[in-house]
Amino acid sequence: MRFLRSLVLAIVLVSAFFYFTTYRNGRLRPANWISRPQHVEITEAAGGEALDAEEQNNIGVYRKNIGSVVNITSHLMTLDFFYGLVPQEGQGSGFVIDREGHILTNYHVIAEARQVEVTLHDRKKYKATIVGIDKSHDLAIVQIKAPNLQPMVLGDSSNLLVGQKVYAIGNPFGLAGTLTRGIVSSIREVQEPDGLEIDEAIQTDAAINPGNSGGPLLNYHGEVIGINTLIASNSGQSAGIGFAIPINTAKAVINDLVTLGRVRRPALGVRTIPIDSEIAGELDLAADYGLLIVQAVPGGSADRAGLRGGSERAYLGNTPIMIGGDLMVAIEGERIESQQDLARVMNKHRAGDTVKIAVFRAKKKLEVSVVLGEARD
């Protein structure tokens, strides 16, 4: 009975407190400052404002090229420790290069694929055939049979300048038809995760994400200057540093990829060592740079053209070499100072091309025409 009286008293006190502190002051009632007008007036922008020149160019580049950019889906089988062979899909981009349905993309987009499917911008899907691959340049060409294809215009990547405006079109994360914009941030040599080196890669801050690989990098006029291929990121997503393969690298091998399915990589047929001023002084060479031909491979391109290897045994540190051979200083007018320079020049040519090589034989400068052979893996 005493407990019941205490409970009733507590309820009375709590009710009185609630009445005087909340209900009586109107805190449960709707705020009296809220109005209910018949019409809401808002401030709207004036309609029909003209686009500025830069916006018009962005739109023009996109509309001109979007129909030529495709989404590439690769179907492959991977080995799982628990489940054995399991199907897997990969996503990438590509772009049409001719009316015959040839599409340029990255090799890593279609690597080891059992089946390749191409989706056009109008969402029509086609099975694609892998026509040619070039692992060393991370390039591949696939082909579809589709009507009314519009090829993209391939530009020139040889004279790009840092600061130029660029556009990337592709399918990041499978989001088809995406345009991003940026500038050329640098031109540099970079290495892909598999160890492949891209010479004179185009670095850009245009947003590139997974799925953009194989898509075009365009200049201000909407011409293709690169193939988007790589990002530098700790998270695997865009961090403002992306890289593209120069389009000139692709143009040099497209014909081989389409007609042969592979690239006729040129071979000069020489073994060389780089020369600096110190070595040049010791060997009394005519120039303090270049590549000294240690050996001209018998029957190789250089040997057939009359270039000479070393004939006298010597030591470079503890390494035995042959000296007395021709000193190669330029190919097609391009100065050669290292094996990297030689590789870069060779990448601009195909087997069967004739190149002019400037050499010093003793103190006499000569120019020798060499028909490049074909390198074998």
Protein backbone atom coordinates (compact mmCIF):
# COMPACT_ATOMS: atom_id res chain seq x y z
CA MET A 1 0.00 0.00 0.00
CA ARG A 2 2.85 2.36 0.87
CA PHE A 3 4.58 1.46 -2.42
CA LEU A 4 1.40 2.26 -4.37
CA ARG A 5 1.11 5.70 -2.75
CA SER A 6 4.78 6.43 -3.63
CA LEU A 7 4.21 5.38 -7.25
CA VAL A 8 1.11 7.60 -7.59
CA LEU A 9 2.99 10.55 -6.07
CA ALA A 10 5.87 10.09 -8.52
CA ILE A 11 3.51 10.02 -11.50
CA VAL A 12 1.81 13.21 -10.29
CA LEU A 13 5.16 15.01 -9.91
CA VAL A 14 6.42 13.93 -13.37
CA SER A 15 3.12 14.98 -14.98
CA ALA A 16 3.23 18.39 -13.29
CA PHE A 17 6.85 18.92 -14.42
CA PHE A 18 5.96 17.99 -18.04
CA TYR A 19 2.93 20.32 -18.04
CA PHE A 20 4.76 23.41 -16.75
CA THR A 21 8.05 22.93 -18.71
CA THR A 22 6.87 21.59 -22.10
CA TYR A 23 3.16 21.39 -22.87
CA ARG A 24 2.18 24.75 -21.36
CA ASN A 25 4.98 26.53 -23.28
CA GLY A 26 3.72 25.11 -26.55
CA ARG A 27 6.84 23.07 -27.40
CA LEU A 28 4.73 20.20 -28.74
CA ARG A 29 2.67 22.46 -30.94
CA PRO A 30 3.80 23.38 -34.49
CA ALA A 31 6.07 26.41 -34.60
CA ASN A 32 3.94 29.48 -35.12
CA TRP A 33 6.53 31.11 -37.47
CA ILE A 34 5.98 28.56 -40.31
CA SER A 35 3.93 30.06 -43.15
CA ARG A 36 1.94 28.31 -45.86
CA PRO A 37 2.05 30.62 -48.93
CA GLN A 38 -0.07 29.98 -51.98
CA HIS A 39 3.00 30.07 -54.27
CA VAL A 40 6.76 29.56 -53.73
CA GLU A 41 9.00 32.09 -55.42
CA ILE A 42 12.47 30.86 -56.44
CA THR A 43 15.32 32.48 -58.36
CA GLU A 44 15.93 30.81 -61.71
CA ALA A 45 18.77 31.26 -64.19
CA ALA A 46 17.97 32.94 -67.46
CA GLY A 47 17.38 30.28 -70.12
CA GLY A 48 19.29 29.81 -73.34
CA GLU A 49 22.68 31.10 -72.20
CA ALA A 50 25.33 30.48 -74.86
CA LEU A 51 28.17 28.03 -74.28
CA ASP A 52 31.67 29.46 -74.26
CA ALA A 53 34.26 28.40 -76.84
CA GLU A 54 35.92 25.82 -74.59
CA GLU A 55 32.62 24.15 -73.71
CA GLN A 56 31.67 24.04 -77.37
CA ASN A 57 34.98 22.36 -78.21
CA ASN A 58 34.54 19.79 -75.42
CA ILE A 59 31.10 18.91 -76.76
CA GLY A 60 32.34 18.85 -80.34
CA VAL A 61 35.22 16.45 -79.57
CA TYR A 62 32.86 14.15 -77.67
CA ARG A 63 30.13 14.07 -80.32
CA LYS A 64 32.66 13.59 -83.12
CA ASN A 65 34.29 10.53 -81.52
CA ILE A 66 31.92 8.84 -79.09
CA GLY A 67 30.40 6.61 -81.76
CA SER A 68 33.85 5.16 -82.53
CA VAL A 69 34.78 4.24 -78.95
CA VAL A 70 33.77 0.73 -77.86
CA ASN A 71 33.53 -1.32 -74.70
CA ILE A 72 35.50 -4.58 -74.78
CA THR A 73 34.58 -7.52 -72.56
CA SER A 74 37.01 -10.43 -72.41
CA HIS A 75 35.88 -13.83 -71.15
CA LEU A 76 38.57 -16.10 -69.75
CA MET A 77 39.04 -19.03 -67.39
CA THR A 78 41.13 -18.70 -64.24
CA LEU A 79 42.32 -21.33 -61.81
CA ASP A 80 40.89 -21.15 -58.29
CA PHE A 81 42.53 -23.23 -55.54
CA PHE A 82 39.18 -24.50 -54.21
CA TYR A 83 36.91 -24.50 -57.28
CA GLY A 84 39.32 -25.25 -60.12
CA LEU A 85 38.70 -23.45 -63.41
CA VAL A 86 36.20 -20.61 -62.99
CA PRO A 87 34.98 -18.10 -65.60
CA GLN A 88 36.04 -14.47 -65.27
CA GLU A 89 35.31 -11.26 -67.16
CA GLY A 90 37.58 -8.32 -67.90
CA GLN A 91 36.55 -4.86 -69.06
CA GLY A 92 38.35 -2.37 -71.24
CA SER A 93 37.98 0.09 -74.08
CA GLY A 94 39.03 0.36 -77.68
CA PHE A 95 38.36 2.43 -80.78
CA VAL A 96 37.56 1.82 -84.44
CA ILE A 97 40.45 2.50 -86.85
CA ASP A 98 38.86 1.56 -90.21
CA ARG A 99 35.54 0.70 -91.84
CA GLU A 100 36.50 -2.99 -91.95
CA GLY A 101 35.82 -3.22 -88.22
CA HIS A 102 39.39 -3.27 -86.91
CA ILE A 103 39.58 -2.00 -83.33
CA LEU A 104 42.76 -0.93 -81.56
CA THR A 105 43.13 -1.66 -77.85
CA ASN A 106 45.69 -2.77 -75.25
CA TYR A 107 47.03 -6.30 -75.29
CA HIS A 108 46.38 -6.66 -71.56
CA VAL A 109 42.66 -5.99 -72.18
CA ILE A 110 42.28 -9.20 -74.21
CA ALA A 111 45.24 -11.24 -72.90
CA GLU A 112 44.42 -14.96 -72.54
CA ALA A 113 40.77 -14.33 -73.47
CA ARG A 114 38.78 -17.30 -74.78
CA GLN A 115 36.10 -14.99 -76.14
CA VAL A 116 35.98 -11.24 -76.81
CA GLU A 117 32.79 -9.21 -77.06
CA VAL A 118 32.53 -5.64 -78.32
CA THR A 119 29.71 -3.28 -77.39
CA LEU A 120 29.23 -0.21 -79.56
CA HIS A 121 27.94 3.12 -78.30
CA ASP A 122 24.43 2.22 -79.55
CA ARG A 123 24.60 -0.81 -77.19
CA LYS A 124 24.73 -3.34 -80.00
CA LYS A 125 26.99 -6.28 -79.15
CA TYR A 126 29.27 -8.21 -81.51
CA LYS A 127 31.62 -11.15 -81.09
CA ALA A 128 35.15 -10.09 -81.95
CA THR A 129 38.09 -11.96 -83.43
CA ILE A 130 41.62 -11.27 -82.21
CA VAL A 131 43.52 -10.28 -85.37
CA GLY A 132 46.98 -9.41 -84.06
CA ILE A 133 48.90 -8.84 -80.82
CA ASP A 134 52.07 -7.01 -79.92
CA LYS A 135 52.98 -7.87 -76.32
CA SER A 136 56.12 -5.75 -76.30
CA HIS A 137 54.10 -2.58 -76.97
CA ASP A 138 50.94 -3.70 -75.10
CA LEU A 139 48.87 -3.38 -78.28
CA ALA A 140 46.25 -5.59 -79.91
CA ILE A 141 43.77 -5.41 -82.75
CA VAL A 142 40.38 -7.15 -82.75
CA GLN A 143 37.79 -7.14 -85.52
CA ILE A 144 34.01 -7.15 -85.66
CA LYS A 145 31.55 -7.35 -88.54
CA ALA A 146 29.24 -4.37 -88.16
CA PRO A 147 27.74 -1.84 -90.60
CA ASN A 148 28.35 1.89 -90.81
CA LEU A 149 31.42 2.04 -88.59
CA GLN A 150 33.11 5.42 -88.31
CA PRO A 151 36.92 5.23 -87.86
CA MET A 152 38.71 7.72 -85.65
CA VAL A 153 41.35 10.10 -87.03
CA LEU A 154 44.85 9.11 -85.91
CA GLY A 155 46.98 12.16 -85.13
CA ASP A 156 50.70 12.72 -84.59
CA SER A 157 52.32 12.19 -81.18
CA SER A 158 55.85 13.22 -82.17
CA ASN A 159 55.64 16.90 -81.24
CA LEU A 160 53.47 16.95 -78.12
CA LEU A 161 54.16 19.69 -75.59
CA VAL A 162 53.58 19.70 -71.84
CA GLY A 163 50.48 21.78 -71.18
CA GLN A 164 48.50 20.76 -74.26
CA LYS A 165 44.83 20.01 -73.63
CA VAL A 166 43.82 16.37 -73.97
CA TYR A 167 40.63 14.32 -73.66
CA ALA A 168 40.16 10.69 -72.65
CA ILE A 169 37.10 8.74 -73.75
CA GLY A 170 36.40 5.26 -72.42
CA ASN A 171 34.40 3.04 -70.12
CA PRO A 172 35.78 3.43 -66.58
CA PHE A 173 34.23 0.87 -64.21
CA GLY A 174 31.99 -0.15 -67.11
CA LEU A 175 30.40 3.33 -67.32
CA ALA A 176 30.20 3.60 -71.10
CA GLY A 177 30.86 6.79 -73.01
CA THR A 178 32.71 8.75 -70.34
CA LEU A 179 34.72 11.87 -71.25
CA THR A 180 37.42 13.36 -69.02
CA ARG A 181 39.69 16.29 -69.72
CA GLY A 182 43.19 17.34 -68.71
CA ILE A 183 46.58 18.29 -70.07
CA VAL A 184 49.78 16.60 -71.13
CA SER A 185 51.66 16.53 -67.82
CA SER A 186 54.93 15.08 -69.11
CA ILE A 187 56.54 12.87 -71.76
CA ARG A 188 58.58 10.15 -70.08
CA GLU A 189 59.59 6.51 -70.13
CA VAL A 190 57.47 4.37 -67.77
CA GLN A 191 57.35 0.73 -66.82
CA GLU A 192 54.13 -1.31 -66.71
CA PRO A 193 53.49 -3.83 -63.91
CA ASP A 194 54.66 -6.72 -66.13
CA GLY A 195 58.01 -5.00 -66.71
CA LEU A 196 57.18 -3.64 -70.17
CA GLU A 197 58.76 -0.24 -70.81
CA ILE A 198 56.79 2.39 -72.71
CA ASP A 199 59.12 4.79 -74.48
CA GLU A 200 57.98 8.43 -74.57
CA ALA A 201 54.73 7.63 -72.75
CA ILE A 202 52.24 10.49 -72.53
CA GLN A 203 51.56 11.40 -68.91
CA THR A 204 48.25 13.17 -68.30
CA ASP A 205 46.09 14.36 -65.41
CA ALA A 206 42.90 13.54 -67.31
CA ALA A 207 41.07 11.07 -65.06
CA ILE A 208 41.85 7.48 -66.16
CA ASN A 209 40.41 4.55 -64.20
CA PRO A 210 40.08 0.77 -64.63
CA GLY A 211 38.08 0.24 -67.81
CA ASN A 212 39.74 3.15 -69.64
CA SER A 213 42.57 0.88 -70.84
CA GLY A 214 42.68 0.71 -74.61
CA GLY A 215 40.60 3.86 -75.09
CA PRO A 216 41.78 6.91 -77.03
CA LEU A 217 43.58 9.97 -75.72
CA LEU A 218 42.65 12.90 -77.98
CA ASN A 219 44.11 16.30 -78.68
CA TYR A 220 42.13 19.56 -78.82
CA HIS A 221 41.09 18.82 -82.41
CA GLY A 222 39.70 15.38 -81.54
CA GLU A 223 42.57 13.42 -83.14
CA VAL A 224 43.92 10.32 -81.41
CA ILE A 225 47.39 10.95 -79.98
CA GLY A 226 47.60 8.03 -77.54
CA ILE A 227 46.11 4.80 -76.18
CA ASN A 228 45.28 5.02 -72.47
CA THR A 229 46.99 2.14 -70.71
CA LEU A 230 48.23 2.74 -67.17
CA ILE A 231 47.64 4.72 -63.98
CA ALA A 232 49.94 5.46 -61.07
CA SER A 233 47.89 4.98 -57.91
CA ASN A 234 48.10 3.36 -54.50
CA SER A 235 44.33 2.70 -54.50
CA GLY A 236 44.00 1.38 -58.05
CA GLN A 237 41.89 4.40 -59.03
CA SER A 238 42.71 7.74 -60.62
CA ALA A 239 45.17 9.85 -58.65
CA GLY A 240 45.74 12.36 -61.44
CA ILE A 241 48.63 10.45 -63.04
CA GLY A 242 47.76 8.39 -66.09
CA PHE A 243 49.82 7.21 -69.04
CA ALA A 244 49.10 6.57 -72.70
CA ILE A 245 51.07 4.80 -75.42
CA PRO A 246 51.96 7.30 -78.18
CA ILE A 247 49.79 6.77 -81.26
CA ASN A 248 52.89 6.87 -83.49
CA THR A 249 54.07 3.68 -81.77
CA ALA A 250 50.79 2.02 -82.75
CA LYS A 251 50.76 3.43 -86.30
CA ALA A 252 54.18 1.87 -86.91
CA VAL A 253 52.85 -1.65 -86.25
CA ILE A 254 49.17 -1.55 -87.31
CA ASN A 255 49.85 -2.80 -90.83
CA ASP A 256 51.83 -5.79 -89.56
CA LEU A 257 49.20 -6.62 -86.94
CA VAL A 258 46.37 -6.58 -89.47
CA THR A 259 48.16 -8.35 -92.32
CA LEU A 260 50.41 -10.76 -90.40
CA GLY A 261 48.94 -10.97 -86.91
CA ARG A 262 52.35 -10.10 -85.44
CA VAL A 263 55.00 -7.39 -85.72
CA ARG A 264 58.07 -7.84 -87.90
CA ARG A 265 60.48 -6.54 -85.30
CA PRO A 266 63.65 -5.23 -86.99
CA ALA A 267 67.09 -6.58 -86.17
CA LEU A 268 70.42 -4.92 -86.93
CA GLY A 269 72.51 -7.95 -86.03
CA VAL A 270 75.20 -6.34 -83.85
CA ARG A 271 76.56 -6.55 -80.34
CA THR A 272 77.65 -3.17 -79.00
CA ILE A 273 78.98 -1.31 -75.96
CA PRO A 274 78.25 2.37 -75.18
CA ILE A 275 81.12 4.82 -75.41
CA ASP A 276 81.81 7.79 -73.16
CA SER A 277 84.63 10.33 -73.16
CA GLU A 278 86.85 8.24 -70.87
CA ILE A 279 86.61 5.06 -72.97
CA ALA A 280 86.95 7.10 -76.16
CA GLY A 281 90.19 8.57 -74.86
CA GLU A 282 91.61 5.19 -73.90
CA LEU A 283 90.74 3.65 -77.29
CA ASP A 284 91.65 6.78 -79.29
CA LEU A 285 88.22 6.89 -80.96
CA ALA A 286 87.07 9.62 -83.31
CA ALA A 287 84.02 10.52 -81.16
CA ASP A 288 83.33 10.47 -77.40
CA TYR A 289 79.82 9.02 -77.78
CA GLY A 290 78.05 6.28 -79.72
CA LEU A 291 77.95 2.49 -79.75
CA LEU A 292 81.10 0.55 -80.55
CA ILE A 293 80.31 -2.55 -82.60
CA VAL A 294 81.93 -5.45 -80.77
CA GLN A 295 80.51 -8.06 -83.14
CA ALA A 296 78.58 -8.01 -86.40
CA VAL A 297 76.64 -11.26 -86.36
CA PRO A 298 77.72 -13.36 -89.37
CA GLY A 299 75.03 -13.25 -92.05
CA GLY A 300 73.11 -10.54 -90.19
CA SER A 301 71.96 -7.20 -91.56
CA ALA A 302 75.01 -5.23 -90.43
CA ASP A 303 77.41 -7.91 -91.67
CA ARG A 304 75.75 -8.02 -95.12
CA ALA A 305 75.97 -4.22 -95.34
CA GLY A 306 79.70 -4.25 -94.59
CA LEU A 307 79.71 -2.96 -91.01
CA ARG A 308 82.66 -4.28 -89.05
CA GLY A 309 82.96 -5.72 -85.59
CA GLY A 310 85.99 -5.77 -83.35
CA SER A 311 89.15 -7.64 -84.32
CA GLU A 312 91.43 -7.03 -81.33
CA ARG A 313 90.92 -8.48 -77.86
CA ALA A 314 90.84 -6.09 -74.90
CA TYR A 315 89.30 -5.76 -71.45
CA LEU A 316 86.65 -3.37 -70.18
CA GLY A 317 87.21 -3.73 -66.44
CA ASN A 318 87.21 -7.49 -66.08
CA THR A 319 85.05 -8.05 -69.15
CA PRO A 320 86.79 -9.20 -72.32
CA ILE A 321 85.68 -7.32 -75.45
CA MET A 322 86.73 -7.00 -79.06
CA ILE A 323 87.82 -3.53 -80.19
CA GLY A 324 88.68 -2.04 -83.54
CA GLY A 325 85.14 -2.20 -84.94
CA ASP A 326 83.00 0.58 -86.35
CA LEU A 327 81.71 3.27 -83.98
CA MET A 328 77.99 3.83 -84.66
CA VAL A 329 76.95 7.44 -83.93
CA ALA A 330 73.63 8.01 -85.78
CA ILE A 331 70.79 6.21 -87.57
CA GLU A 332 68.65 8.15 -90.03
CA GLY A 333 70.15 11.34 -88.64
CA GLU A 334 69.21 10.54 -85.01
CA ARG A 335 72.11 10.62 -82.57
CA ILE A 336 72.84 7.27 -80.93
CA GLU A 337 74.48 7.28 -77.50
CA SER A 338 73.08 4.18 -75.79
CA GLN A 339 71.32 0.86 -76.40
CA GLN A 340 68.08 2.62 -75.37
CA ASP A 341 68.58 5.12 -78.20
CA LEU A 342 69.16 2.24 -80.61
CA ALA A 343 66.00 0.45 -79.41
CA ARG A 344 63.93 3.62 -79.77
CA VAL A 345 65.06 4.14 -83.36
CA MET A 346 64.49 0.47 -84.20
CA ASN A 347 60.93 0.72 -82.87
CA LYS A 348 60.21 3.28 -85.58
CA HIS A 349 61.09 0.77 -88.30
CA ARG A 350 60.05 -2.65 -89.50
CA ALA A 351 62.00 -5.59 -90.86
CA GLY A 352 62.84 -4.94 -94.50
CA ASP A 353 63.28 -1.17 -94.06
CA THR A 354 66.51 0.39 -95.30
CA VAL A 355 68.20 2.78 -92.88
CA LYS A 356 71.32 4.92 -93.19
CA ILE A 357 73.81 4.43 -90.37
CA ALA A 358 76.62 6.89 -89.68
CA VAL A 359 79.80 5.27 -88.33
CA PHE A 360 83.41 6.14 -87.69
CA ARG A 361 85.86 3.60 -89.07
CA ALA A 362 89.14 4.58 -87.47
CA LYS A 363 89.07 8.37 -87.99
CA LYS A 364 86.99 8.33 -91.15
CA LYS A 365 83.24 8.96 -91.07
CA LEU A 366 81.09 6.77 -93.32
CA GLU A 367 77.38 6.39 -94.07
CA VAL A 368 76.24 2.83 -94.69
CA SER A 369 72.81 1.71 -95.95
CA VAL A 370 71.51 -1.32 -94.06
CA VAL A 371 68.44 -3.43 -94.87
CA LEU A 372 67.04 -4.44 -91.48
CA GLY A 373 66.43 -8.12 -90.81
CA GLU A 374 63.65 -9.63 -88.73
CA ALA A 375 64.18 -10.33 -85.05
CA ARG A 376 63.09 -13.75 -83.80
CA ASP A 377 61.76 -14.32 -80.26
